[in-house]
């Protein structure tokens, strides 16, 4: 757990894609067009954006980070590292990309570089989902913070009982 920093007021997705999304230029943590939205049931920040190919005007390759509260004072890159490496984001055609940021771990994932697995089952309503067996409720999103192919679920308290679960990928 990396929850040593206060809950953010805003989480933004600065990177080489921002000028294509309506920001005046790239790498602007204050541009509200790339703010993520907080989901209290999932305790995650998320957003979907249409990412264009070739959005690497500085020729270092397309990439992004997470910035907290409209500035660079608190930012996270690859593997949730504060001030860490930019995260590559290469698409070959215009692509709707979904991003998830977990402030408890500072890890960000996107639907291009990562699977989006959700533990789906008859326990989800206990986590705050509107209904059970809902692959679109991300309160049970599994993440791979190390990028090693091992996905995990944040510790949570589910009442004792017998539950059924399956894994849904990418909201299906």
N, C-alpha and C. Protein backbone atom coordinates (compact mmCIF):
# COMPACT_ATOMS: atom_id res chain seq x y z
N UNK A 1 0.84 -1.19 0.00
CA UNK A 1 0.00 0.00 0.00
C UNK A 1 0.88 1.24 0.00
N UNK A 2 0.46 2.22 -0.77
CA UNK A 2 1.22 3.46 -0.87
C UNK A 2 0.36 4.65 -0.49
N UNK A 3 -0.58 4.43 0.41
CA UNK A 3 -1.55 5.48 0.72
C UNK A 3 -1.00 6.49 1.73
N UNK A 4 0.22 6.94 1.50
CA UNK A 4 0.86 7.89 2.39
C UNK A 4 0.61 9.34 1.97
N UNK A 5 -0.14 9.54 0.90
CA UNK A 5 -0.43 10.90 0.45
C UNK A 5 -1.93 11.16 0.56
N UNK A 6 -2.32 12.41 0.74
CA UNK A 6 -3.75 12.73 0.89
C UNK A 6 -4.55 12.38 -0.36
N UNK A 7 -5.82 12.18 -0.17
CA UNK A 7 -6.74 11.92 -1.28
C UNK A 7 -6.70 13.10 -2.24
N UNK A 8 -6.53 12.83 -3.54
CA UNK A 8 -6.44 13.93 -4.51
C UNK A 8 -7.76 14.66 -4.70
N UNK A 9 -7.65 15.93 -5.04
CA UNK A 9 -8.82 16.68 -5.51
C UNK A 9 -9.02 16.42 -7.00
N UNK A 10 -7.90 16.33 -7.73
CA UNK A 10 -7.96 16.01 -9.16
C UNK A 10 -6.83 15.04 -9.50
N UNK A 11 -7.10 14.23 -10.52
CA UNK A 11 -6.09 13.34 -11.10
C UNK A 11 -6.15 13.57 -12.59
N UNK A 12 -5.00 13.90 -13.17
CA UNK A 12 -4.96 14.16 -14.61
C UNK A 12 -3.99 13.21 -15.29
N UNK A 13 -4.11 13.18 -16.60
CA UNK A 13 -3.36 12.27 -17.45
C UNK A 13 -2.52 13.07 -18.45
N UNK A 14 -1.50 13.79 -17.97
CA UNK A 14 -0.67 14.55 -18.91
C UNK A 14 0.18 13.62 -19.77
N UNK A 15 0.39 14.06 -21.00
CA UNK A 15 1.22 13.26 -21.90
C UNK A 15 1.21 13.84 -23.30
N UNK A 16 1.71 13.04 -24.23
CA UNK A 16 1.85 13.50 -25.61
C UNK A 16 0.52 13.51 -26.37
N UNK A 17 -0.53 13.04 -25.76
CA UNK A 17 -1.86 12.97 -26.39
C UNK A 17 -2.70 14.21 -26.12
N UNK A 18 -2.30 15.07 -25.23
CA UNK A 18 -3.18 16.12 -24.75
C UNK A 18 -3.57 17.14 -25.81
N UNK A 19 -2.66 17.52 -26.69
CA UNK A 19 -3.03 18.53 -27.70
C UNK A 19 -4.09 17.98 -28.65
N UNK A 20 -4.10 16.66 -28.89
CA UNK A 20 -5.14 16.06 -29.73
C UNK A 20 -6.49 16.00 -29.02
N UNK A 21 -6.50 16.12 -27.70
CA UNK A 21 -7.74 16.06 -26.93
C UNK A 21 -8.28 17.43 -26.55
N UNK A 22 -7.69 18.49 -27.06
CA UNK A 22 -8.22 19.82 -26.83
C UNK A 22 -7.44 20.68 -25.85
N UNK A 23 -6.36 20.18 -25.30
CA UNK A 23 -5.50 21.00 -24.43
C UNK A 23 -4.65 21.90 -25.33
N UNK A 24 -4.19 23.03 -24.81
CA UNK A 24 -3.42 23.96 -25.63
C UNK A 24 -2.05 23.40 -26.04
N UNK A 25 -1.53 22.45 -25.28
CA UNK A 25 -0.29 21.76 -25.64
C UNK A 25 -0.23 20.46 -24.83
N UNK A 26 0.85 19.73 -24.97
CA UNK A 26 1.03 18.47 -24.26
C UNK A 26 1.67 18.71 -22.89
N UNK A 27 1.62 17.68 -22.08
CA UNK A 27 2.23 17.66 -20.75
C UNK A 27 1.71 18.77 -19.84
N UNK A 28 0.39 18.95 -19.81
CA UNK A 28 -0.26 19.95 -18.97
C UNK A 28 -1.11 19.28 -17.88
N UNK A 29 -0.59 19.14 -16.68
CA UNK A 29 -1.36 18.49 -15.63
C UNK A 29 -2.61 19.27 -15.22
N UNK A 30 -2.67 20.54 -15.58
CA UNK A 30 -3.83 21.37 -15.20
C UNK A 30 -4.95 21.34 -16.24
N UNK A 31 -4.77 20.68 -17.37
CA UNK A 31 -5.79 20.67 -18.43
C UNK A 31 -6.93 19.73 -18.05
N UNK A 32 -8.10 20.31 -17.82
CA UNK A 32 -9.25 19.52 -17.36
C UNK A 32 -9.80 18.56 -18.41
N UNK A 33 -9.40 18.68 -19.64
CA UNK A 33 -9.88 17.76 -20.69
C UNK A 33 -9.31 16.36 -20.51
N UNK A 34 -8.28 16.22 -19.69
CA UNK A 34 -7.70 14.90 -19.44
C UNK A 34 -7.75 14.54 -17.95
N UNK A 35 -8.72 15.11 -17.23
CA UNK A 35 -8.92 14.71 -15.84
C UNK A 35 -9.62 13.35 -15.81
N UNK A 36 -9.26 12.54 -14.84
CA UNK A 36 -9.95 11.30 -14.58
C UNK A 36 -11.07 11.56 -13.59
N UNK A 37 -12.05 10.67 -13.55
CA UNK A 37 -13.22 10.82 -12.68
C UNK A 37 -13.13 9.78 -11.56
N UNK A 38 -13.44 10.23 -10.36
CA UNK A 38 -13.38 9.34 -9.20
C UNK A 38 -14.66 8.51 -9.09
N UNK A 39 -14.50 7.20 -8.88
CA UNK A 39 -15.61 6.28 -8.65
C UNK A 39 -15.51 5.80 -7.20
N UNK A 40 -16.40 6.29 -6.31
CA UNK A 40 -16.29 5.92 -4.90
C UNK A 40 -16.53 4.43 -4.64
N UNK A 41 -17.37 3.77 -5.42
CA UNK A 41 -17.61 2.34 -5.21
C UNK A 41 -16.34 1.55 -5.48
N UNK A 42 -15.62 1.90 -6.53
CA UNK A 42 -14.38 1.20 -6.88
C UNK A 42 -13.17 1.77 -6.15
N UNK A 43 -13.29 2.99 -5.64
CA UNK A 43 -12.17 3.72 -5.04
C UNK A 43 -11.02 3.85 -6.05
N UNK A 44 -11.41 4.16 -7.30
CA UNK A 44 -10.47 4.33 -8.40
C UNK A 44 -10.82 5.58 -9.18
N UNK A 45 -9.85 6.11 -9.87
CA UNK A 45 -10.03 7.20 -10.81
C UNK A 45 -9.96 6.59 -12.21
N UNK A 46 -10.83 7.01 -13.12
CA UNK A 46 -10.79 6.43 -14.46
C UNK A 46 -11.26 7.43 -15.50
N UNK A 47 -10.95 7.11 -16.74
CA UNK A 47 -11.39 7.92 -17.86
C UNK A 47 -11.07 7.21 -19.16
N UNK A 48 -11.85 7.52 -20.19
CA UNK A 48 -11.61 6.97 -21.53
C UNK A 48 -11.41 8.13 -22.50
N UNK A 49 -10.41 7.98 -23.34
CA UNK A 49 -10.06 9.03 -24.29
C UNK A 49 -9.73 8.41 -25.64
N UNK A 50 -10.06 9.12 -26.71
CA UNK A 50 -9.72 8.68 -28.05
C UNK A 50 -8.28 9.10 -28.32
N UNK A 51 -7.39 8.13 -28.35
CA UNK A 51 -5.96 8.39 -28.54
C UNK A 51 -5.61 8.20 -30.01
N UNK A 52 -4.89 9.18 -30.55
CA UNK A 52 -4.51 9.17 -31.96
C UNK A 52 -3.12 8.57 -32.13
N UNK A 53 -2.88 7.89 -33.25
CA UNK A 53 -1.52 7.39 -33.52
C UNK A 53 -0.58 8.55 -33.83
N UNK A 54 0.69 8.34 -33.59
CA UNK A 54 1.69 9.35 -33.95
C UNK A 54 1.68 10.57 -33.07
N UNK A 55 1.15 10.48 -31.85
CA UNK A 55 1.09 11.67 -30.99
C UNK A 55 2.39 11.84 -30.21
N UNK A 56 3.49 11.84 -30.92
CA UNK A 56 4.79 11.97 -30.28
C UNK A 56 5.61 13.08 -30.94
N UNK A 57 5.09 14.29 -30.85
CA UNK A 57 5.71 15.43 -31.52
C UNK A 57 7.17 15.63 -31.13
N UNK A 58 7.55 15.22 -29.95
CA UNK A 58 8.94 15.41 -29.53
C UNK A 58 9.84 14.23 -29.93
N UNK A 59 9.29 13.29 -30.67
CA UNK A 59 10.01 12.14 -31.24
C UNK A 59 10.61 11.20 -30.19
N UNK A 60 10.13 11.29 -28.96
CA UNK A 60 10.56 10.35 -27.92
C UNK A 60 9.56 9.21 -27.79
N UNK A 61 8.50 9.25 -28.58
CA UNK A 61 7.46 8.22 -28.52
C UNK A 61 6.28 8.67 -27.68
N UNK A 62 5.08 8.21 -28.02
CA UNK A 62 3.89 8.59 -27.26
C UNK A 62 3.94 8.02 -25.84
N UNK A 63 3.54 8.84 -24.86
CA UNK A 63 3.64 8.41 -23.47
C UNK A 63 2.82 9.33 -22.57
N UNK A 64 2.68 8.89 -21.31
CA UNK A 64 1.89 9.65 -20.34
C UNK A 64 2.34 9.33 -18.92
N UNK A 65 1.78 10.09 -17.96
CA UNK A 65 1.94 9.89 -16.53
C UNK A 65 0.63 10.25 -15.85
N UNK A 66 0.60 10.11 -14.56
CA UNK A 66 -0.50 10.59 -13.72
C UNK A 66 0.02 11.79 -12.94
N UNK A 67 -0.76 12.86 -12.87
CA UNK A 67 -0.40 14.02 -12.06
C UNK A 67 -1.55 14.31 -11.09
N UNK A 68 -1.19 14.66 -9.89
CA UNK A 68 -2.16 14.89 -8.82
C UNK A 68 -2.33 16.39 -8.60
N UNK A 69 -3.58 16.81 -8.48
CA UNK A 69 -3.94 18.18 -8.11
C UNK A 69 -3.34 19.24 -9.03
N UNK A 70 -3.42 18.99 -10.33
CA UNK A 70 -3.11 19.97 -11.38
C UNK A 70 -1.64 20.42 -11.42
N UNK A 71 -0.74 19.64 -10.88
CA UNK A 71 0.66 20.05 -10.90
C UNK A 71 1.59 18.85 -10.93
N UNK A 72 2.89 19.13 -11.01
CA UNK A 72 3.90 18.09 -11.07
C UNK A 72 4.47 17.71 -9.71
N UNK A 73 4.03 18.39 -8.63
CA UNK A 73 4.57 18.11 -7.29
C UNK A 73 4.37 16.67 -6.86
N UNK A 74 3.26 16.08 -7.26
CA UNK A 74 2.99 14.66 -7.01
C UNK A 74 2.58 14.05 -8.33
N UNK A 75 3.42 13.18 -8.86
CA UNK A 75 3.12 12.52 -10.14
C UNK A 75 3.65 11.10 -10.10
N UNK A 76 3.03 10.23 -10.88
CA UNK A 76 3.39 8.82 -10.88
C UNK A 76 3.53 8.30 -12.29
N UNK A 77 4.56 7.51 -12.49
CA UNK A 77 4.81 6.91 -13.79
C UNK A 77 4.72 5.40 -13.72
N UNK A 78 5.53 4.75 -14.50
CA UNK A 78 5.51 3.29 -14.61
C UNK A 78 5.64 2.64 -13.23
N UNK A 79 4.86 1.59 -13.04
CA UNK A 79 4.86 0.78 -11.82
C UNK A 79 4.50 1.58 -10.57
N UNK A 80 3.81 2.71 -10.73
CA UNK A 80 3.36 3.50 -9.60
C UNK A 80 4.46 4.25 -8.88
N UNK A 81 5.61 4.43 -9.51
CA UNK A 81 6.72 5.11 -8.88
C UNK A 81 6.54 6.63 -8.94
N UNK A 82 6.70 7.29 -7.80
CA UNK A 82 6.60 8.75 -7.78
C UNK A 82 7.71 9.32 -8.65
N UNK A 83 7.31 10.20 -9.59
CA UNK A 83 8.25 10.78 -10.53
C UNK A 83 8.84 9.75 -11.48
N UNK A 84 8.22 8.58 -11.57
CA UNK A 84 8.76 7.47 -12.34
C UNK A 84 8.74 7.70 -13.84
N UNK A 85 9.22 6.70 -14.54
CA UNK A 85 9.34 6.75 -16.00
C UNK A 85 7.98 6.96 -16.65
N UNK A 86 7.99 7.68 -17.77
CA UNK A 86 6.78 7.85 -18.57
C UNK A 86 6.29 6.47 -19.01
N UNK A 87 4.99 6.35 -19.18
CA UNK A 87 4.38 5.09 -19.61
C UNK A 87 4.13 5.18 -21.10
N UNK A 88 4.66 4.24 -21.89
CA UNK A 88 4.45 4.29 -23.33
C UNK A 88 2.99 4.01 -23.67
N UNK A 89 2.52 4.63 -24.75
CA UNK A 89 1.14 4.42 -25.19
C UNK A 89 1.11 4.51 -26.72
N UNK A 90 1.40 3.41 -27.36
CA UNK A 90 1.49 3.35 -28.81
C UNK A 90 0.22 2.72 -29.37
N UNK A 91 -0.47 3.46 -30.24
CA UNK A 91 -1.62 2.93 -30.97
C UNK A 91 -1.36 3.13 -32.46
N UNK A 92 -1.86 2.22 -33.29
CA UNK A 92 -1.62 2.30 -34.74
C UNK A 92 -2.82 2.87 -35.49
N UNK A 93 -3.92 3.05 -34.78
CA UNK A 93 -5.14 3.64 -35.35
C UNK A 93 -5.82 4.40 -34.21
N UNK A 94 -6.72 5.35 -34.51
CA UNK A 94 -7.44 6.01 -33.42
C UNK A 94 -8.10 4.95 -32.52
N UNK A 95 -7.82 5.03 -31.23
CA UNK A 95 -8.25 3.99 -30.30
C UNK A 95 -8.83 4.61 -29.03
N UNK A 96 -10.00 4.13 -28.64
CA UNK A 96 -10.59 4.53 -27.35
C UNK A 96 -9.84 3.77 -26.27
N UNK A 97 -9.12 4.49 -25.43
CA UNK A 97 -8.30 3.88 -24.39
C UNK A 97 -8.88 4.26 -23.03
N UNK A 98 -9.03 3.25 -22.17
CA UNK A 98 -9.52 3.48 -20.81
C UNK A 98 -8.35 3.38 -19.85
N UNK A 99 -8.30 4.33 -18.91
CA UNK A 99 -7.24 4.42 -17.92
C UNK A 99 -7.84 4.26 -16.53
N UNK A 100 -7.12 3.58 -15.65
CA UNK A 100 -7.51 3.43 -14.25
C UNK A 100 -6.31 3.80 -13.38
N UNK A 101 -6.58 4.61 -12.35
CA UNK A 101 -5.54 4.99 -11.39
C UNK A 101 -6.04 4.65 -10.00
N UNK A 102 -5.19 3.94 -9.24
CA UNK A 102 -5.49 3.56 -7.86
C UNK A 102 -4.60 4.37 -6.94
N UNK A 103 -5.19 5.30 -6.21
CA UNK A 103 -4.38 6.17 -5.35
C UNK A 103 -3.82 5.42 -4.13
N UNK A 104 -4.40 4.27 -3.81
CA UNK A 104 -3.86 3.49 -2.69
C UNK A 104 -2.49 2.91 -3.04
N UNK A 105 -2.28 2.60 -4.30
CA UNK A 105 -1.01 2.00 -4.74
C UNK A 105 -0.22 2.90 -5.69
N UNK A 106 -0.88 3.94 -6.21
CA UNK A 106 -0.32 4.87 -7.20
C UNK A 106 -0.09 4.22 -8.56
N UNK A 107 -0.69 3.09 -8.78
CA UNK A 107 -0.54 2.38 -10.05
C UNK A 107 -1.59 2.87 -11.03
N UNK A 108 -1.17 3.06 -12.28
CA UNK A 108 -2.08 3.39 -13.36
C UNK A 108 -1.97 2.30 -14.41
N UNK A 109 -3.10 1.90 -14.96
CA UNK A 109 -3.11 0.95 -16.06
C UNK A 109 -3.96 1.52 -17.18
N UNK A 110 -3.72 1.03 -18.38
CA UNK A 110 -4.54 1.44 -19.52
C UNK A 110 -4.90 0.21 -20.33
N UNK A 111 -5.95 0.33 -21.14
CA UNK A 111 -6.48 -0.81 -21.88
C UNK A 111 -5.66 -1.16 -23.12
N UNK A 112 -4.57 -0.45 -23.38
CA UNK A 112 -3.66 -0.82 -24.47
C UNK A 112 -2.52 -1.67 -23.93
N UNK A 113 -1.93 -1.25 -22.83
CA UNK A 113 -0.76 -1.94 -22.27
C UNK A 113 -1.11 -3.05 -21.29
N UNK A 114 -2.36 -3.14 -20.89
CA UNK A 114 -2.73 -4.09 -19.85
C UNK A 114 -4.09 -4.70 -20.15
N UNK A 115 -4.29 -5.91 -19.67
CA UNK A 115 -5.65 -6.45 -19.63
C UNK A 115 -6.41 -5.66 -18.58
N UNK A 116 -7.72 -5.64 -18.69
CA UNK A 116 -8.56 -5.01 -17.67
C UNK A 116 -9.45 -6.11 -17.09
N UNK A 117 -8.88 -6.94 -16.17
CA UNK A 117 -9.65 -8.03 -15.59
C UNK A 117 -10.44 -7.60 -14.36
N UNK A 118 -11.67 -8.06 -14.29
CA UNK A 118 -12.55 -7.76 -13.16
C UNK A 118 -13.00 -9.09 -12.57
N UNK A 119 -12.87 -9.23 -11.25
CA UNK A 119 -13.43 -10.39 -10.56
C UNK A 119 -14.94 -10.16 -10.47
N UNK A 120 -15.69 -11.01 -11.15
CA UNK A 120 -17.13 -10.86 -11.26
C UNK A 120 -17.79 -11.99 -10.47
N UNK A 121 -18.77 -11.65 -9.65
CA UNK A 121 -19.43 -12.70 -8.89
C UNK A 121 -20.55 -12.18 -8.01
N UNK A 122 -21.04 -13.09 -7.17
CA UNK A 122 -22.18 -12.78 -6.32
C UNK A 122 -21.78 -12.04 -5.04
N UNK A 123 -20.57 -11.51 -5.01
CA UNK A 123 -20.07 -10.73 -3.88
C UNK A 123 -19.97 -9.24 -4.21
N UNK A 124 -20.14 -8.87 -5.48
CA UNK A 124 -19.85 -7.50 -5.89
C UNK A 124 -20.74 -6.46 -5.22
N UNK A 125 -21.99 -6.80 -4.95
CA UNK A 125 -22.86 -5.82 -4.27
C UNK A 125 -22.33 -5.51 -2.87
N UNK A 126 -21.58 -6.42 -2.28
CA UNK A 126 -20.98 -6.20 -0.96
C UNK A 126 -19.83 -5.20 -1.04
N UNK A 127 -19.31 -4.99 -2.26
CA UNK A 127 -18.21 -4.04 -2.46
C UNK A 127 -18.70 -2.65 -2.87
N UNK A 128 -20.02 -2.52 -3.05
CA UNK A 128 -20.57 -1.22 -3.45
C UNK A 128 -21.07 -1.18 -4.88
N UNK A 129 -20.96 -2.28 -5.61
CA UNK A 129 -21.50 -2.32 -6.97
C UNK A 129 -23.03 -2.28 -6.91
N UNK A 130 -23.66 -1.75 -7.94
CA UNK A 130 -25.13 -1.68 -7.99
C UNK A 130 -25.75 -3.07 -8.03
N UNK A 131 -25.00 -4.02 -8.60
CA UNK A 131 -25.53 -5.39 -8.70
C UNK A 131 -24.36 -6.37 -8.72
N UNK A 132 -24.68 -7.62 -8.47
CA UNK A 132 -23.68 -8.68 -8.56
C UNK A 132 -23.46 -9.07 -10.02
N UNK A 133 -22.39 -9.80 -10.26
CA UNK A 133 -22.07 -10.33 -11.59
C UNK A 133 -22.02 -9.24 -12.66
N UNK A 134 -21.38 -8.12 -12.31
CA UNK A 134 -21.33 -6.96 -13.20
C UNK A 134 -19.90 -6.70 -13.66
N UNK A 135 -19.57 -7.09 -14.91
CA UNK A 135 -18.20 -6.87 -15.39
C UNK A 135 -17.84 -5.40 -15.59
N UNK A 136 -18.83 -4.52 -15.56
CA UNK A 136 -18.57 -3.09 -15.73
C UNK A 136 -18.39 -2.36 -14.40
N UNK A 137 -18.51 -3.08 -13.27
CA UNK A 137 -18.25 -2.47 -11.96
C UNK A 137 -16.81 -2.76 -11.59
N UNK A 138 -16.02 -1.72 -11.48
CA UNK A 138 -14.58 -1.87 -11.28
C UNK A 138 -14.17 -1.89 -9.81
N UNK A 139 -15.13 -2.08 -8.89
CA UNK A 139 -14.78 -2.21 -7.48
C UNK A 139 -13.96 -3.48 -7.25
N UNK A 140 -14.03 -4.42 -8.19
CA UNK A 140 -13.24 -5.66 -8.07
C UNK A 140 -12.24 -5.80 -9.23
N UNK A 141 -11.72 -4.67 -9.68
CA UNK A 141 -10.70 -4.64 -10.72
C UNK A 141 -9.41 -5.28 -10.20
N UNK A 142 -8.81 -6.13 -11.01
CA UNK A 142 -7.52 -6.73 -10.68
C UNK A 142 -6.44 -5.92 -11.39
N UNK A 143 -5.34 -5.70 -10.70
CA UNK A 143 -4.25 -4.91 -11.30
C UNK A 143 -2.94 -5.68 -11.20
N UNK A 144 -2.02 -5.33 -12.09
CA UNK A 144 -0.70 -5.94 -12.17
C UNK A 144 0.36 -4.85 -11.98
N UNK A 145 0.58 -4.41 -10.74
CA UNK A 145 1.47 -3.26 -10.52
C UNK A 145 2.91 -3.49 -10.96
N UNK A 146 3.40 -4.71 -10.89
CA UNK A 146 4.78 -4.98 -11.27
C UNK A 146 4.94 -5.22 -12.77
N UNK A 147 3.82 -5.41 -13.49
CA UNK A 147 3.89 -5.68 -14.91
C UNK A 147 4.44 -7.06 -15.22
N UNK A 148 4.27 -7.99 -14.28
CA UNK A 148 4.82 -9.34 -14.46
C UNK A 148 3.77 -10.39 -14.83
N UNK A 149 2.55 -9.95 -15.12
CA UNK A 149 1.50 -10.88 -15.51
C UNK A 149 0.74 -11.48 -14.34
N UNK A 150 1.08 -11.08 -13.12
CA UNK A 150 0.37 -11.56 -11.93
C UNK A 150 -0.57 -10.45 -11.46
N UNK A 151 -1.86 -10.71 -11.56
CA UNK A 151 -2.86 -9.71 -11.20
C UNK A 151 -3.38 -9.98 -9.80
N UNK A 152 -3.67 -8.90 -9.08
CA UNK A 152 -4.18 -9.03 -7.72
C UNK A 152 -5.31 -8.07 -7.47
N UNK A 153 -5.97 -8.31 -6.37
CA UNK A 153 -7.12 -7.51 -5.94
C UNK A 153 -6.78 -6.93 -4.59
N UNK A 154 -7.03 -5.64 -4.41
CA UNK A 154 -6.75 -4.98 -3.13
C UNK A 154 -7.53 -5.70 -2.02
N UNK A 155 -6.92 -5.79 -0.87
CA UNK A 155 -7.57 -6.43 0.26
C UNK A 155 -8.85 -5.68 0.60
N UNK A 156 -9.89 -6.42 0.82
CA UNK A 156 -11.17 -5.84 1.18
C UNK A 156 -11.87 -6.76 2.15
N UNK A 157 -12.88 -6.27 2.78
CA UNK A 157 -13.65 -7.10 3.71
C UNK A 157 -14.98 -7.45 3.07
N UNK A 158 -15.15 -8.73 2.82
CA UNK A 158 -16.41 -9.27 2.32
C UNK A 158 -16.93 -10.17 3.43
N UNK A 159 -18.22 -10.07 3.78
CA UNK A 159 -18.74 -10.93 4.85
C UNK A 159 -18.47 -12.41 4.58
N UNK A 160 -18.27 -13.16 5.66
CA UNK A 160 -18.05 -14.60 5.53
C UNK A 160 -19.20 -15.23 4.76
N UNK A 161 -18.87 -16.22 3.96
CA UNK A 161 -19.90 -16.91 3.18
C UNK A 161 -19.27 -17.61 2.00
N UNK A 162 -20.09 -18.26 1.24
CA UNK A 162 -19.65 -18.95 0.02
C UNK A 162 -20.03 -18.07 -1.17
N UNK A 163 -19.05 -17.78 -2.01
CA UNK A 163 -19.27 -16.92 -3.16
C UNK A 163 -18.75 -17.60 -4.42
N UNK A 164 -19.33 -17.22 -5.55
CA UNK A 164 -18.84 -17.69 -6.84
C UNK A 164 -18.21 -16.52 -7.56
N UNK A 165 -17.16 -16.82 -8.34
CA UNK A 165 -16.44 -15.77 -9.03
C UNK A 165 -15.94 -16.28 -10.37
N UNK A 166 -15.84 -15.37 -11.30
CA UNK A 166 -15.19 -15.62 -12.58
C UNK A 166 -14.44 -14.34 -12.94
N UNK A 167 -13.59 -14.41 -13.94
CA UNK A 167 -12.86 -13.24 -14.38
C UNK A 167 -13.44 -12.77 -15.71
N UNK A 168 -13.77 -11.50 -15.78
CA UNK A 168 -14.23 -10.88 -17.03
C UNK A 168 -13.11 -9.97 -17.52
N UNK A 169 -12.87 -9.99 -18.82
CA UNK A 169 -11.83 -9.15 -19.40
C UNK A 169 -12.43 -8.02 -20.19
N UNK A 170 -11.91 -6.82 -19.96
CA UNK A 170 -12.27 -5.64 -20.73
C UNK A 170 -13.77 -5.36 -20.75
N UNK A 171 -14.42 -5.54 -19.57
CA UNK A 171 -15.84 -5.19 -19.42
C UNK A 171 -16.82 -6.18 -20.01
N UNK A 172 -16.35 -7.36 -20.39
CA UNK A 172 -17.25 -8.36 -21.00
C UNK A 172 -17.26 -9.63 -20.17
